[in-house]
Structure formats: C-alpha cells, structure tokens
Amino acid sequence: MRIKIVNNSRHSLPEYATAAAAGMDLRASLEQPIVLKPLERALVPTGIHIQLPEGYEAQIRPRSGLAIKHGISIVNSPGTIDSDYRGEIRVILVNLSNENFTIQDGERICQMVVAQHATIEWEEVNSLDETRRGSGGFGHTGAL
C-alpha cells in the first residue's frame, strides 16, 4: 500500500525496523528538548502528516523500550488517526516513573500501525443471542 506523507521534520520518514514488524517508529520533531516530570504529560509533535485511504486508520502505540526502561507511555493508547485527518501527528506522552525524562529531537517516541477497519450500521433489537459466557465480565473466569 502506498500512503501520501508530508515530512516537515528534520528526520527521515518513518520505517519498519524489521521485515516482519507491524509498526514503524515515529520521532519527536522538537526545537528544544521537553522535560517530562513524574506524572506529567506533553503533546509531542512529529512533523509528519499522512493521507490514509478511506477504510484505514493509523494507531499510535507506546514503544515497549520507553515503557520498561523509563515509564514513558501514551495517555490515550492507542491513539487513532482517522483517514480524513490531515494535521500533524502529535503524541500525548506521559511519564509514569518517579524520575524526570527528557525527550530529545529525533527520539523515537511511539509506534504507528496502519490497519483496516469496518464501518458499521446499528441494528436495534430487543435482545441479543445467548452465549456460554453471557454477561460475565471482569474476573468471571476466576483469572483475576
């Protein structure tokens, strides 16, 4: 699939790290570093704009390395970029650690996964088909 992209950053285009990778890393596009204090969040620009085909979305997901090493995650994970959005991709990072974390220009801050999605129409009914699980929710199997 070919996707149109505008790169207003000083960095190379997002790319897959391996041939079988599902996500590609996006980098921070900063004039100066951002210091995230514990439990602080920031909207981090990437300088990237994309044009997805209708019926597709881009999911913005945390990087596991930043999460395990530094406690950095994404507040609205996964974030969704809709096919009709043309603005800059910006990422809401949060520092869940007890130490300050500095985001540098060019730092890999998240992964982006492009995925196809369905558009549904509701069919309003009075009841739903029965299943073995029924309405069992959190912990209903004793796993919690």
Protein backbone atom coordinates (compact mmCIF):
# COMPACT_ATOMS: atom_id res chain seq x y z
CA MET A 1 0.00 0.00 0.00
CA ARG A 2 1.26 3.48 -0.82
CA ILE A 3 0.37 6.35 1.52
CA LYS A 4 0.99 10.03 0.86
CA ILE A 5 3.14 11.70 3.53
CA VAL A 6 4.39 15.22 4.22
CA ASN A 7 7.52 15.31 6.36
CA ASN A 8 8.08 18.71 7.98
CA SER A 9 10.66 17.31 10.41
CA ARG A 10 14.44 17.15 10.02
CA HIS A 11 14.29 13.35 10.27
CA SER A 12 13.90 10.51 7.79
CA LEU A 13 10.49 9.05 7.01
CA PRO A 14 9.08 6.51 9.49
CA GLU A 15 10.21 3.00 8.62
CA TYR A 16 9.86 -0.59 9.78
CA ALA A 17 12.79 -1.82 11.90
CA THR A 18 12.46 -5.37 10.55
CA ALA A 19 10.77 -7.00 7.57
CA ALA A 20 8.05 -8.55 9.78
CA ALA A 21 7.39 -5.50 12.01
CA ALA A 22 3.76 -4.33 12.28
CA GLY A 23 4.61 -0.84 13.50
CA MET A 24 7.03 1.85 12.47
CA ASP A 25 8.64 4.30 14.87
CA LEU A 26 7.72 7.99 14.83
CA ARG A 27 10.26 10.54 16.05
CA ALA A 28 9.88 13.74 18.06
CA SER A 29 10.32 16.88 15.99
CA LEU A 30 11.45 19.48 18.54
CA GLU A 31 13.13 22.88 18.52
CA GLN A 32 14.30 22.18 22.06
CA PRO A 33 14.09 19.17 24.42
CA ILE A 34 10.98 18.58 26.54
CA VAL A 35 11.47 17.54 30.18
CA LEU A 36 8.62 15.35 31.43
CA LYS A 37 8.40 15.33 35.22
CA PRO A 38 6.80 12.36 37.03
CA LEU A 39 3.09 12.05 36.13
CA GLU A 40 3.41 14.98 33.70
CA ARG A 41 2.19 14.72 30.10
CA ALA A 42 3.08 16.63 26.95
CA LEU A 43 1.82 16.86 23.39
CA VAL A 44 4.88 15.99 21.30
CA PRO A 45 4.99 16.96 17.59
CA THR A 46 6.37 14.60 14.94
CA GLY A 47 6.35 16.90 11.89
CA ILE A 48 4.51 14.15 9.99
CA HIS A 49 1.20 14.49 8.09
CA ILE A 50 -0.35 11.49 6.30
CA GLN A 51 -3.22 10.78 3.91
CA LEU A 52 -4.71 7.38 4.64
CA PRO A 53 -7.13 5.67 2.27
CA GLU A 54 -10.75 5.57 3.40
CA GLY A 55 -11.39 2.45 5.48
CA TYR A 56 -7.97 2.64 7.18
CA GLU A 57 -6.69 4.16 10.41
CA ALA A 58 -3.26 4.66 11.93
CA GLN A 59 -2.94 3.52 15.54
CA ILE A 60 -0.41 5.30 17.73
CA ARG A 61 1.02 2.91 20.34
CA PRO A 62 3.67 3.15 23.08
CA ARG A 63 7.19 1.87 22.46
CA SER A 64 7.92 -1.04 24.77
CA GLY A 65 11.53 0.09 25.33
CA LEU A 66 10.47 3.53 26.58
CA ALA A 67 7.80 1.94 28.77
CA ILE A 68 10.01 -0.64 30.51
CA LYS A 69 13.20 1.46 30.77
CA HIS A 70 11.72 4.87 31.56
CA GLY A 71 7.98 4.51 32.35
CA ILE A 72 7.00 6.58 29.29
CA SER A 73 3.64 5.75 27.73
CA ILE A 74 0.80 7.28 25.74
CA VAL A 75 -2.20 8.68 27.62
CA ASN A 76 -4.82 7.74 25.01
CA SER A 77 -3.27 4.48 23.92
CA PRO A 78 -3.83 3.51 21.27
CA GLY A 79 -4.40 6.88 19.67
CA THR A 80 -6.29 6.86 16.37
CA ILE A 81 -5.50 8.84 13.23
CA ASP A 82 -8.61 8.83 11.00
CA SER A 83 -8.39 8.75 7.21
CA ASP A 84 -9.83 12.27 6.89
CA TYR A 85 -7.31 13.88 9.31
CA ARG A 86 -4.64 15.96 7.57
CA GLY A 87 -3.00 17.71 10.52
CA GLU A 88 0.35 16.97 12.09
CA ILE A 89 0.57 13.74 14.05
CA ARG A 90 1.23 14.71 17.67
CA VAL A 91 1.55 12.24 20.51
CA ILE A 92 0.41 12.66 24.14
CA LEU A 93 3.26 11.18 26.16
CA VAL A 94 3.06 10.65 29.93
CA ASN A 95 5.84 9.96 32.42
CA LEU A 96 4.66 7.21 34.77
CA SER A 97 8.03 6.93 36.51
CA ASN A 98 9.41 8.69 39.58
CA GLU A 99 12.17 10.45 37.63
CA ASN A 100 12.31 13.26 35.07
CA PHE A 101 12.62 12.12 31.45
CA THR A 102 13.98 14.33 28.68
CA ILE A 103 12.57 13.93 25.17
CA GLN A 104 15.19 14.90 22.59
CA ASP A 105 14.66 15.97 18.98
CA GLY A 106 14.70 12.83 16.83
CA GLU A 107 13.91 10.47 19.71
CA ARG A 108 11.69 7.54 18.75
CA ILE A 109 8.55 8.23 20.82
CA CYS A 110 5.89 5.81 19.59
CA GLN A 111 4.92 3.21 17.03
CA MET A 112 2.39 3.72 14.26
CA VAL A 113 0.40 0.75 12.92
CA VAL A 114 -1.82 1.20 9.86
CA ALA A 115 -4.88 -1.04 9.96
CA GLN A 116 -8.06 -1.57 8.01
CA HIS A 117 -11.32 -1.05 9.88
CA ALA A 118 -15.01 -1.66 9.30
CA THR A 119 -17.75 0.94 9.28
CA ILE A 120 -20.90 -0.42 10.92
CA GLU A 121 -24.58 0.33 10.96
CA TRP A 122 -26.56 -0.32 14.14
CA GLU A 123 -29.43 -2.79 14.09
CA GLU A 124 -31.54 -2.02 17.13
CA VAL A 125 -33.11 -5.15 18.67
CA ASN A 126 -34.82 -6.08 21.95
CA SER A 127 -32.41 -8.91 22.87
CA LEU A 128 -29.11 -10.50 21.86
CA ASP A 129 -28.29 -14.13 21.07
CA GLU A 130 -27.30 -16.18 24.12
CA THR A 131 -23.68 -17.38 24.58
CA ARG A 132 -21.99 -19.59 27.13
CA ARG A 133 -20.28 -16.55 28.65
CA GLY A 134 -23.41 -14.42 28.75
CA SER A 135 -22.87 -11.18 30.65
CA GLY A 136 -19.81 -12.39 32.60
CA GLY A 137 -17.34 -9.53 32.83
CA PHE A 138 -14.10 -8.78 34.65
CA GLY A 139 -12.90 -11.78 36.63
CA HIS A 140 -15.79 -14.03 35.68
CA THR A 141 -13.40 -16.92 34.89
CA GLY A 142 -11.53 -16.55 38.18
CA ALA A 143 -8.41 -15.31 36.41
CA LEU A 144 -8.20 -12.03 38.32
